[in-house]
Each structure stands twice: as C-alpha cells, then as structure tokens.
Amino acid sequence: MTSIFIARQPILDIQRRTFGYELLHRDAPRHTGGLPAMGANRDDATRAVIERAFLHWGMERLLGDRFGFINANPEHIHDGLHRALPPESIIFELHDHIGLPPHLIEAVAQARADGYHFGIDNVADVGELVRSSVLPFVSMVKVDIDRATPDGAEQIVQFVRAVQPGVYLIAERVARHDQFELAADLGFDLFQGYFFAQPQLLERTARPANAAAAIALLAEIQRDDSSIERIEALVGSDPSLAYRVLAVVNSSAFGLDRQVESLRHAIVLLGLHQVRNLATLLTLSKSGATNEELITLGATRARLASMLIADRSLRSSAFTVGLLSVTDALYGTPIDTLLDELPLAQPVRDALVHGSGELGAVLGVVKACERADIDTVMAFDPDRLREINSAYADAAMWADSMRRQMDREFARSGAPAAGRGRLPRRRRRTVN
C-alpha cells in the first residue's frame, strides 16, 4: 500500500509552550527537517496538506487543542478551499499578499468576516507590509528573522504595533540563541525554527477516495432539489467515500462527539454544507482511482444487507455494515484498526469485527450469497431463498448503475482520465 507523509513544526510562545503547529507537505521519507517536498508546486502542496491533515490524519490527532498553520495563497481562498476546514483551528499563511486584484482581496475579506484567520508569511522588510493588500484582514505576521536585519525587524514590530496592534508577531526561521534573544527583546509573541525543533515527519498508509464518486457527490449537492436520501445513496455507493464522511464526523473539530448508527446518521449530523465541503476537497485534491471491483462489491453488500435485515429500523445500519465490510481490503489495513478512527455505534462495530448480532448475521448471509453457499442462506431463513436470490441480483444491478452514474459525472467534469481580527479560544491556549 502507498504511504503518505506530513510534517509539523511547533510554534512556541515566550515560555516555549506550544501555541500551534505549522503543517508542511512532504512526499517521501527523505524529506525531513526543513527540506521541501521535491517536485510539488505550491498549489498542489497546499491541497495535499489539507487533504492529508483533514481526511487522513484528522485535525484532532495532528493539532490536539492547538492551532494549525497552513500555507495558502489568495486564489485558494477565492476558490473556496478554506471552507473544507473549521475556521476556529486554522490560520492560513499567505505568501502572495502584495498587489492583489480586487476579487482576491474581497475573497480574503469575506473569509475573514466568516471567521477564518490569516497570516502574512516570510516578511523581511517593513515595505512588504506597507504594500500588502491584506494586512487589515490578518491575525498573524510571520517575520523571517534570518533574512531581516535587526533594524529591519524592529521597524516591522513598530509598524505592526502601530497599525494593527492586535496582530500576533511570529519570528520564524529562528536557528540560533542570539536570534531568539533578539526577537524576544523586540517583543515578538511567538517563535518558530530549528533552534526549538525541526519538523516532525509523520507517515501512514494512504486511504484514497475515488475521484469519480467525489465528483458525482459534488454535482448532486449543487442541485436545488438535492435530498438526504439521494446523497446517502451516492455516498453509500462507494466505501472509500463513506469512510471519509464517517471520519469527518469523528473529528472533534466539528463538535460531533457522539457515536453514529449509520451513514445516513453521519450525513444528517454533518449537514449538507459540510458534506459539500468534503466533496469539494476530495475533488480538488485530485484523488486517484481506487479498486473499482471492491467498491462495487461494497455497494452491493450494502444494498443487499439493507434489503435482508428483518428489523426495518436497522436498515441504515445494515447498509453501513455492508458498505464498510470491504474497507480492510480496500486500504490494506485490519478492520478493527480502521474502525478505531470512526465514531460507529457498538452493534455496527461488533458486526464488522466479530460478525455478531443481527447485523453480523445479515452480513454473513450477504457473503454467503457471493460464494453461492446455499446451506448458510437456508440456515438464515429457509423460506426466503428465492427472495434472497432475487434481492442479490437487484443489489448487484443497483451497485453497477451507481458506478455508471459516477463515471458519467466524472467524464462530464472534464477531469483527467488518470484521476479515475481576533482568534477564537482554544481549549488549553487562549488568545485575544
């Protein structure tokens, strides 16, 4: 299985307590320390960091109750990429901030009004701030203490304190003790650099979502007559996409700390707005194609399980059990490890890990249908053999039709064929 990487470097206050982490793109184990990911342009790197942080690791695991800093540019904000992330925990560092056209300035201003926070990155001269198009909308200014002269750094501090007194000043690229002392004496609030810590490289197995599924979901959500039922059907036709939706629910960044009984329950908890953001992020991140046979198998199992469950109130849970039953093969990871990252109710988890309970029994029958195990099907309900055979055929046709619809949306999107003011309060650190 393919591994993915991300790095994080702490940003500390004057007492060397962790205020937050800058999240950095890395594409291989050799890119440690401060080395950039080779071959990745800045736009792709930004999207990769957001996708990996939000969808593969989860913001809570990466940040805890600290802030996250992510490099971006105003075009990302204009395109709405920021909306996939919760505003209360992320600061977007803007490299490009001088001479921006009006539509980009307006995008940053609107995002700031919506509660998102920004910083200006890599400042080495006060003239850069004088000419900045976005200084009125930022909460942070990061000063490259290695490039700025002592007099230049002092001028920056004086200018920011006079013009934007509530803005945090961060001394970045602090590599030596004398640089730290200088920044501290000048009144910087926060500090980052090799003098304190090199970026920590994190690795895990990639869990890609099918790009066609994400595009089909995005297209559906844009419709005026979109419904929870229709969205559930689309998400429920792809185990990789369903896993992502459930993982988002498990992120405490959205304040959803409850267990969910089904995929439908997760979509209702998230709301259409957040599901739209998720689909947008998956689409923009250029997620590669996954194993279509496993995806179709998972969709077939989901549909069949929901049709066979005797207790109608468990239909959504049975659908979720069938859909997630292929994720261990899809991601090459034990099912119990995968489920540790999802907020699933215990009966759903027990069915997937142990095959127990009513949901586990139905999943066993579904698998028996796949291998033509008539004895197991008869033991489940000898009076329903013909009905179960018919339901299996219907489920397979439904899964196949959903895959075709996704392929059509994917082709219609024009995607490449290969793609098949004030910061909020955090729990432990409060800032004004």
Protein backbone atom coordinates (compact mmCIF):
# COMPACT_ATOMS: atom_id res chain seq x y z
CA MET A 1 0.00 0.00 0.00
CA THR A 2 1.12 3.57 -0.67
CA SER A 3 2.36 5.65 2.26
CA ILE A 4 1.71 9.36 2.64
CA PHE A 5 3.56 11.89 4.75
CA ILE A 6 3.04 15.17 6.50
CA ALA A 7 5.33 17.18 8.76
CA ARG A 8 4.54 19.53 11.60
CA GLN A 9 6.79 22.09 13.27
CA PRO A 10 5.83 23.65 16.60
CA ILE A 11 5.26 27.37 17.06
CA LEU A 12 6.05 28.39 20.65
CA ASP A 13 5.34 31.29 22.94
CA ILE A 14 7.96 33.13 25.02
CA GLN A 15 7.77 30.42 27.71
CA ARG A 16 8.36 27.82 24.99
CA ARG A 17 4.88 26.38 25.35
CA THR A 18 3.32 25.07 22.15
CA PHE A 19 0.88 27.55 20.64
CA GLY A 20 0.36 25.63 17.40
CA TYR A 21 1.95 23.66 14.57
CA GLU A 22 2.77 24.57 11.02
CA LEU A 23 1.69 21.68 8.77
CA LEU A 24 4.13 21.03 5.94
CA HIS A 25 3.93 18.96 2.78
CA ARG A 26 6.31 16.03 2.43
CA ASP A 27 6.21 13.40 -0.32
CA ALA A 28 8.83 10.86 0.84
CA PRO A 29 10.72 9.87 4.00
CA ARG A 30 13.90 11.57 2.76
CA HIS A 31 12.22 14.96 3.07
CA THR A 32 12.86 15.54 6.73
CA GLY A 33 13.73 18.62 8.67
CA GLY A 34 13.09 21.80 6.75
CA LEU A 35 13.50 20.32 3.29
CA PRO A 36 10.54 21.00 0.99
CA ALA A 37 8.79 18.21 -0.86
CA MET A 38 10.60 17.88 -4.16
CA GLY A 39 8.61 18.21 -7.35
CA ALA A 40 5.50 19.60 -5.69
CA ASN A 41 4.36 23.06 -6.69
CA ARG A 42 2.92 25.32 -4.05
CA ASP A 43 -0.73 24.88 -5.06
CA ASP A 44 -0.55 21.08 -5.12
CA ALA A 45 1.34 21.08 -1.82
CA THR A 46 -1.38 23.17 -0.15
CA ARG A 47 -4.14 20.89 -1.34
CA ALA A 48 -2.18 17.81 -0.30
CA VAL A 49 -1.60 19.19 3.21
CA ILE A 50 -5.29 20.00 3.67
CA GLU A 51 -6.42 16.63 2.35
CA ARG A 52 -3.95 14.67 4.43
CA ALA A 53 -4.47 16.66 7.60
CA PHE A 54 -8.25 16.67 7.43
CA LEU A 55 -9.08 13.37 5.76
CA HIS A 56 -6.19 11.02 6.50
CA TRP A 57 -4.97 12.02 9.96
CA GLY A 58 -7.74 14.19 11.34
CA MET A 59 -7.17 17.65 12.77
CA GLU A 60 -7.62 16.48 16.35
CA ARG A 61 -4.82 13.92 16.04
CA LEU A 62 -2.45 16.41 14.43
CA LEU A 63 -3.23 19.50 16.48
CA GLY A 64 -4.96 18.48 19.68
CA ASP A 65 -6.20 21.76 21.12
CA ARG A 66 -3.55 23.87 19.38
CA PHE A 67 -3.77 25.96 16.22
CA GLY A 68 -2.73 24.71 12.80
CA PHE A 69 -0.87 26.88 10.29
CA ILE A 70 -1.21 26.00 6.59
CA ASN A 71 0.45 27.74 3.65
CA ALA A 72 -2.01 29.02 1.06
CA ASN A 73 -2.49 31.77 -1.47
CA PRO A 74 -5.44 34.09 -2.11
CA GLU A 75 -6.51 32.01 -5.12
CA HIS A 76 -7.19 29.09 -2.78
CA ILE A 77 -9.43 31.33 -0.71
CA HIS A 78 -11.20 32.63 -3.81
CA ASP A 79 -11.79 29.01 -4.91
CA GLY A 80 -13.30 28.17 -1.52
CA LEU A 81 -10.74 25.58 -0.46
CA HIS A 82 -10.66 27.02 3.06
CA ARG A 83 -14.31 26.15 3.62
CA ALA A 84 -13.46 22.47 3.93
CA LEU A 85 -11.76 23.24 7.25
CA PRO A 86 -13.17 24.50 10.56
CA PRO A 87 -12.37 28.22 11.00
CA GLU A 88 -11.71 28.00 14.71
CA SER A 89 -8.49 25.99 14.50
CA ILE A 90 -6.64 27.02 11.31
CA ILE A 91 -4.56 30.04 10.29
CA PHE A 92 -3.83 30.27 6.56
CA GLU A 93 -0.39 31.74 5.85
CA LEU A 94 -0.46 33.87 2.70
CA HIS A 95 2.77 34.07 0.72
CA ASP A 96 1.27 36.26 -2.01
CA HIS A 97 -0.22 39.40 -0.49
CA ILE A 98 1.13 42.40 -2.44
CA GLY A 99 -0.65 43.95 -5.41
CA LEU A 100 -3.61 41.60 -5.34
CA PRO A 101 -6.54 42.22 -7.71
CA PRO A 102 -9.82 43.34 -6.12
CA HIS A 103 -11.57 39.96 -6.41
CA LEU A 104 -8.85 38.24 -4.36
CA ILE A 105 -8.83 40.96 -1.72
CA GLU A 106 -12.60 40.65 -1.49
CA ALA A 107 -12.32 36.86 -1.10
CA VAL A 108 -9.90 37.19 1.83
CA ALA A 109 -12.05 39.90 3.43
CA GLN A 110 -15.19 37.78 3.13
CA ALA A 111 -13.45 34.72 4.56
CA ARG A 112 -12.22 36.81 7.48
CA ALA A 113 -15.79 38.02 8.06
CA ASP A 114 -16.86 34.35 8.05
CA GLY A 115 -14.48 33.62 10.92
CA TYR A 116 -11.36 32.38 9.11
CA HIS A 117 -7.93 33.64 10.10
CA PHE A 118 -4.91 34.61 8.03
CA GLY A 119 -1.27 35.43 8.43
CA ILE A 120 1.31 37.09 6.20
CA ASP A 121 4.34 34.86 5.72
CA ASN A 122 8.07 35.37 5.09
CA VAL A 123 8.21 39.12 5.78
CA ALA A 124 11.75 40.53 5.87
CA ASP A 125 11.20 44.25 5.28
CA VAL A 126 8.62 46.71 6.56
CA GLY A 127 7.98 47.84 2.98
CA GLU A 128 6.33 44.49 2.29
CA LEU A 129 3.72 45.26 4.93
CA VAL A 130 3.24 48.83 3.74
CA ARG A 131 2.39 47.48 0.27
CA SER A 132 0.35 44.50 1.49
CA SER A 133 -3.19 44.17 0.16
CA VAL A 134 -4.45 42.07 3.07
CA LEU A 135 -2.84 43.47 6.23
CA PRO A 136 -6.21 44.76 7.54
CA PHE A 137 -7.56 41.19 7.48
CA VAL A 138 -4.73 39.22 9.12
CA SER A 139 -4.26 37.94 12.66
CA MET A 140 -0.59 36.97 12.31
CA VAL A 141 2.56 38.39 10.71
CA LYS A 142 5.49 35.98 10.35
CA VAL A 143 8.89 37.64 10.10
CA ASP A 144 11.87 35.79 8.63
CA ILE A 145 14.31 36.59 11.40
CA ASP A 146 17.17 35.05 9.41
CA ARG A 147 16.73 37.43 6.43
CA ALA A 148 15.61 40.55 8.23
CA THR A 149 18.29 42.82 9.70
CA PRO A 150 17.98 43.71 13.40
CA ASP A 151 16.94 47.25 12.43
CA GLY A 152 14.53 45.88 9.83
CA ALA A 153 12.91 43.53 12.34
CA GLU A 154 12.49 46.40 14.81
CA GLN A 155 10.85 48.57 12.13
CA ILE A 156 8.41 45.74 11.34
CA VAL A 157 7.48 45.37 15.01
CA GLN A 158 6.93 49.12 15.41
CA PHE A 159 4.84 49.32 12.24
CA VAL A 160 2.61 46.37 13.13
CA ARG A 161 2.09 47.59 16.70
CA ALA A 162 1.06 51.00 15.39
CA VAL A 163 -1.17 49.89 12.52
CA GLN A 164 -2.54 46.52 13.73
CA PRO A 165 -1.92 46.33 17.49
CA GLY A 166 -3.92 43.11 17.94
CA VAL A 167 -1.88 41.10 15.43
CA TYR A 168 0.47 38.37 16.66
CA LEU A 169 4.10 38.70 15.56
CA ILE A 170 5.88 35.41 14.87
CA ALA A 171 9.65 35.16 14.49
CA GLU A 172 10.25 32.32 12.02
CA ARG A 173 13.46 30.57 10.97
CA VAL A 174 14.98 31.11 14.38
CA ALA A 175 18.11 28.96 14.17
CA ARG A 176 20.34 30.37 16.93
CA HIS A 177 20.05 31.54 20.52
CA ASP A 178 21.04 35.11 19.65
CA GLN A 179 18.21 35.27 17.09
CA PHE A 180 15.75 34.13 19.73
CA GLU A 181 17.05 36.72 22.20
CA LEU A 182 16.76 39.48 19.59
CA ALA A 183 13.18 38.53 18.71
CA ALA A 184 12.20 38.26 22.36
CA ASP A 185 13.73 41.67 23.14
CA LEU A 186 11.85 43.23 20.21
CA GLY A 187 8.55 41.95 21.59
CA PHE A 188 7.67 39.08 19.27
CA ASP A 189 4.81 36.96 20.59
CA LEU A 190 5.63 33.59 19.05
CA PHE A 191 8.70 31.77 17.74
CA GLN A 192 9.45 29.01 15.22
CA GLY A 193 12.66 27.48 13.91
CA TYR A 194 15.41 24.88 14.22
CA PHE A 195 16.60 26.45 17.47
CA PHE A 196 13.50 24.93 19.07
CA ALA A 197 12.62 21.92 16.92
CA GLN A 198 12.86 20.56 13.41
CA PRO A 199 9.63 19.46 11.70
CA GLN A 200 8.41 16.07 12.84
CA LEU A 201 7.73 13.71 9.94
CA LEU A 202 4.54 11.63 10.21
CA GLU A 203 3.66 8.67 7.99
CA ARG A 204 0.62 6.50 7.44
CA THR A 205 -0.99 4.34 4.79
CA ALA A 206 -2.92 6.32 2.20
CA ARG A 207 -6.68 5.91 2.14
CA PRO A 208 -7.68 7.42 -1.19
CA ALA A 209 -11.22 8.27 -2.14
CA ASN A 210 -12.47 7.59 -5.63
CA ALA A 211 -12.43 10.84 -7.61
CA ALA A 212 -15.47 9.84 -9.67
CA ALA A 213 -17.51 9.32 -6.51
CA ALA A 214 -16.49 12.70 -5.11
CA ILE A 215 -17.39 14.49 -8.34
CA ALA A 216 -20.76 12.76 -8.55
CA LEU A 217 -21.48 13.73 -4.95
CA LEU A 218 -20.43 17.32 -5.59
CA ALA A 219 -22.68 17.51 -8.65
CA GLU A 220 -25.64 16.13 -6.70
CA ILE A 221 -25.22 18.54 -3.79
CA GLN A 222 -25.29 21.53 -6.13
CA ARG A 223 -28.79 20.62 -7.28
CA ASP A 224 -31.66 22.66 -5.86
CA ASP A 225 -33.70 19.53 -5.23
CA SER A 226 -30.92 17.55 -3.57
CA SER A 227 -32.04 15.42 -0.62
CA ILE A 228 -30.53 13.46 2.24
CA GLU A 229 -31.81 10.25 0.63
CA ARG A 230 -30.08 10.96 -2.67
CA ILE A 231 -26.82 11.96 -1.01
CA GLU A 232 -26.91 8.84 1.15
CA ALA A 233 -27.30 6.75 -2.00
CA LEU A 234 -24.30 8.40 -3.68
CA VAL A 235 -22.02 8.23 -0.67
CA GLY A 236 -23.27 4.73 0.03
CA SER A 237 -22.19 3.51 -3.37
CA ASP A 238 -18.50 3.96 -2.56
CA PRO A 239 -16.88 2.55 0.62
CA SER A 240 -13.89 4.90 0.36
CA LEU A 241 -16.13 7.97 0.27
CA ALA A 242 -18.30 6.64 3.09
CA TYR A 243 -15.20 6.07 5.20
CA ARG A 244 -14.17 9.71 4.68
CA VAL A 245 -17.61 11.01 5.68
CA LEU A 246 -17.59 8.93 8.86
CA ALA A 247 -14.03 10.01 9.66
CA VAL A 248 -15.06 13.66 9.40
CA VAL A 249 -17.85 13.05 11.91
CA ASN A 250 -15.22 11.62 14.24
CA SER A 251 -13.26 14.88 14.15
CA SER A 252 -13.97 16.85 17.29
CA ALA A 253 -13.21 19.98 15.26
CA PHE A 254 -16.91 19.92 14.38
CA GLY A 255 -18.12 19.29 17.89
CA LEU A 256 -19.63 15.92 16.98
CA ASP A 257 -18.53 13.64 19.80
CA ARG A 258 -21.36 11.14 19.59
CA GLN A 259 -21.48 7.68 18.05
CA VAL A 260 -23.34 7.21 14.80
CA GLU A 261 -25.59 4.32 13.91
CA SER A 262 -25.38 4.59 10.14
CA LEU A 263 -24.04 6.53 7.20
CA ARG A 264 -27.34 8.42 6.98
CA HIS A 265 -26.99 9.46 10.61
CA ALA A 266 -23.50 10.80 9.85
CA ILE A 267 -24.73 12.85 6.89
CA VAL A 268 -27.54 14.34 8.97
CA LEU A 269 -25.09 15.27 11.73
CA LEU A 270 -22.68 16.89 9.30
CA GLY A 271 -25.30 18.71 7.28
CA LEU A 272 -25.33 19.31 3.55
CA HIS A 273 -22.96 22.28 3.80
CA GLN A 274 -20.15 20.24 5.35
CA VAL A 275 -20.74 17.28 3.02
CA ARG A 276 -20.42 19.72 0.11
CA ASN A 277 -17.12 20.98 1.53
CA LEU A 278 -15.89 17.42 1.87
CA ALA A 279 -16.78 16.58 -1.72
CA THR A 280 -15.10 19.78 -2.91
CA LEU A 281 -11.89 18.96 -1.08
CA LEU A 282 -11.82 15.41 -2.42
CA THR A 283 -12.38 16.66 -5.94
CA LEU A 284 -9.75 19.41 -5.77
CA SER A 285 -7.21 17.09 -4.18
CA LYS A 286 -7.11 15.01 -7.37
CA SER A 287 -7.78 11.77 -5.54
CA GLY A 288 -6.73 8.82 -7.62
CA ALA A 289 -8.86 5.89 -8.64
CA THR A 290 -9.26 3.02 -6.23
CA ASN A 291 -10.17 -0.63 -6.80
CA GLU A 292 -13.47 -0.48 -8.69
CA GLU A 293 -14.24 -4.15 -8.09
CA LEU A 294 -14.01 -3.70 -4.33
CA ILE A 295 -16.07 -0.52 -4.48
CA THR A 296 -18.81 -2.23 -6.44
CA LEU A 297 -18.67 -5.22 -4.09
CA GLY A 298 -19.09 -2.94 -1.07
CA ALA A 299 -22.04 -1.16 -2.65
CA THR A 300 -23.67 -4.49 -3.49
CA ARG A 301 -23.21 -5.76 0.06
CA ALA A 302 -24.66 -2.54 1.48
CA ARG A 303 -27.75 -2.67 -0.67
CA LEU A 304 -28.36 -6.37 -0.06
CA ALA A 305 -27.84 -6.15 3.71
CA SER A 306 -30.37 -3.33 3.96
CA MET A 307 -32.87 -5.39 1.97
CA LEU A 308 -32.45 -8.54 4.08
CA ILE A 309 -32.44 -7.16 7.62
CA ALA A 310 -35.63 -8.19 9.40
CA ASP A 311 -35.75 -5.20 11.73
CA ARG A 312 -36.65 -2.29 9.45
CA SER A 313 -35.25 0.20 11.96
CA LEU A 314 -31.79 -1.28 11.31
CA ARG A 315 -31.82 -0.83 7.55
CA SER A 316 -29.44 2.12 7.57
CA SER A 317 -27.10 0.35 9.98
CA ALA A 318 -27.14 -2.78 7.83
CA PHE A 319 -26.34 -0.68 4.78
CA THR A 320 -23.35 0.84 6.60
CA VAL A 321 -22.10 -2.57 7.75
CA GLY A 322 -22.21 -3.95 4.22
CA LEU A 323 -20.50 -0.88 2.77
CA LEU A 324 -17.65 -0.81 5.27
CA SER A 325 -17.07 -4.57 5.13
CA VAL A 326 -14.63 -4.15 2.22
CA THR A 327 -12.56 -1.32 3.67
CA ASP A 328 -9.94 -3.63 5.15
CA ALA A 329 -9.19 -4.98 1.67
CA LEU A 330 -9.56 -1.52 0.12
CA TYR A 331 -6.99 0.07 2.41
CA GLY A 332 -4.86 -2.97 3.28
CA THR A 333 -5.47 -2.36 7.00
CA PRO A 334 -7.16 -4.59 9.61
CA ILE A 335 -10.81 -3.73 10.02
CA ASP A 336 -10.56 -3.16 13.76
CA THR A 337 -7.75 -0.63 13.21
CA LEU A 338 -9.84 1.23 10.65
CA LEU A 339 -12.89 1.30 12.88
CA ASP A 340 -10.88 2.81 15.74
CA GLU A 341 -10.92 6.02 13.69
CA LEU A 342 -14.68 6.04 13.16
CA PRO A 343 -17.47 7.01 15.58
CA LEU A 344 -19.54 3.88 14.95
CA ALA A 345 -22.11 2.53 17.38
CA GLN A 346 -21.07 -0.71 19.08
CA PRO A 347 -23.54 -3.01 17.22
CA VAL A 348 -22.12 -1.83 13.88
CA ARG A 349 -18.55 -2.34 15.07
CA ASP A 350 -19.35 -5.79 16.52
CA ALA A 351 -20.90 -6.87 13.24
CA LEU A 352 -17.83 -5.83 11.25
CA VAL A 353 -15.15 -7.10 13.62
CA HIS A 354 -16.80 -10.19 15.12
CA GLY A 355 -19.74 -10.91 12.81
CA SER A 356 -22.01 -10.82 15.87
CA GLY A 357 -25.54 -9.60 16.48
CA GLU A 358 -28.36 -9.26 13.98
CA LEU A 359 -26.23 -7.03 11.77
CA GLY A 360 -23.39 -9.54 11.79
CA ALA A 361 -25.75 -12.36 10.87
CA VAL A 362 -27.05 -10.44 7.87
CA LEU A 363 -23.50 -9.65 6.75
CA GLY A 364 -22.73 -13.37 6.95
CA VAL A 365 -25.67 -14.15 4.68
CA VAL A 366 -24.59 -11.46 2.21
CA LYS A 367 -21.13 -13.02 1.99
CA ALA A 368 -22.72 -16.46 1.62
CA CYS A 369 -24.63 -15.19 -1.42
CA GLU A 370 -21.35 -14.11 -3.02
CA ARG A 371 -19.87 -17.60 -2.75
CA ALA A 372 -23.16 -19.38 -3.56
CA ASP A 373 -23.26 -21.01 -0.11
CA ILE A 374 -26.84 -22.26 -0.18
CA ASP A 375 -26.58 -24.04 3.19
CA THR A 376 -25.78 -20.80 5.03
CA VAL A 377 -28.57 -18.94 3.24
CA MET A 378 -31.05 -21.71 4.06
CA ALA A 379 -29.97 -21.70 7.71
CA PHE A 380 -30.63 -17.98 7.86
CA ASP A 381 -34.19 -18.28 6.53
CA PRO A 382 -35.22 -21.39 4.57
CA ASP A 383 -38.45 -19.74 3.41
CA ARG A 384 -36.71 -16.79 1.73
CA LEU A 385 -34.23 -18.49 -0.59
CA ARG A 386 -35.91 -17.29 -3.79
CA GLU A 387 -36.41 -13.79 -2.33
CA ILE A 388 -32.76 -13.59 -1.25
CA ASN A 389 -31.52 -14.69 -4.67
CA SER A 390 -33.65 -12.04 -6.32
CA ALA A 391 -32.51 -9.39 -3.84
CA TYR A 392 -28.87 -10.27 -4.54
CA ALA A 393 -29.40 -9.75 -8.27
CA ASP A 394 -31.17 -6.42 -7.64
CA ALA A 395 -28.38 -5.24 -5.34
CA ALA A 396 -25.72 -6.05 -7.92
CA MET A 397 -27.65 -4.15 -10.59
CA TRP A 398 -28.07 -1.15 -8.27
CA ALA A 399 -24.36 -1.03 -7.49
CA ASP A 400 -23.47 -1.26 -11.15
CA SER A 401 -25.88 1.52 -12.09
CA MET A 402 -24.41 3.78 -9.40
CA ARG A 403 -20.90 3.17 -10.72
CA ARG A 404 -22.01 4.08 -14.24
CA GLN A 405 -23.62 7.28 -13.00
CA MET A 406 -20.42 8.25 -11.20
CA ASP A 407 -18.38 7.57 -14.31
CA ARG A 408 -20.70 9.83 -16.31
CA GLU A 409 -20.33 12.66 -13.80
CA PHE A 410 -16.58 12.14 -13.77
CA ALA A 411 -16.41 12.37 -17.57
CA ARG A 412 -18.71 15.40 -17.61
CA SER A 413 -16.44 17.21 -15.14
CA GLY A 414 -13.58 17.12 -17.61
CA ALA A 415 -11.21 15.60 -15.05
CA PRO A 416 -8.13 13.82 -16.42
CA ALA A 417 -8.69 10.16 -17.12
CA ALA A 418 -5.87 9.18 -14.76
CA GLY A 419 -7.65 10.80 -11.85
CA ARG A 420 -10.22 7.89 -12.02
CA GLY A 421 -9.08 40.33 13.99
CA ARG A 422 -9.40 38.05 16.93
CA LEU A 423 -8.59 34.47 17.10
CA PRO A 424 -11.10 32.16 18.77
CA ARG A 425 -10.40 30.47 22.04
CA ARG A 426 -8.81 27.03 22.02
CA ARG A 427 -9.28 24.76 24.99
CA ARG A 428 -5.81 24.93 26.51
CA ARG A 429 -4.41 28.11 24.98
CA THR A 430 -6.48 31.25 24.95
CA VAL A 431 -5.65 34.21 22.76
CA ASN A 432 -7.30 37.56 22.35
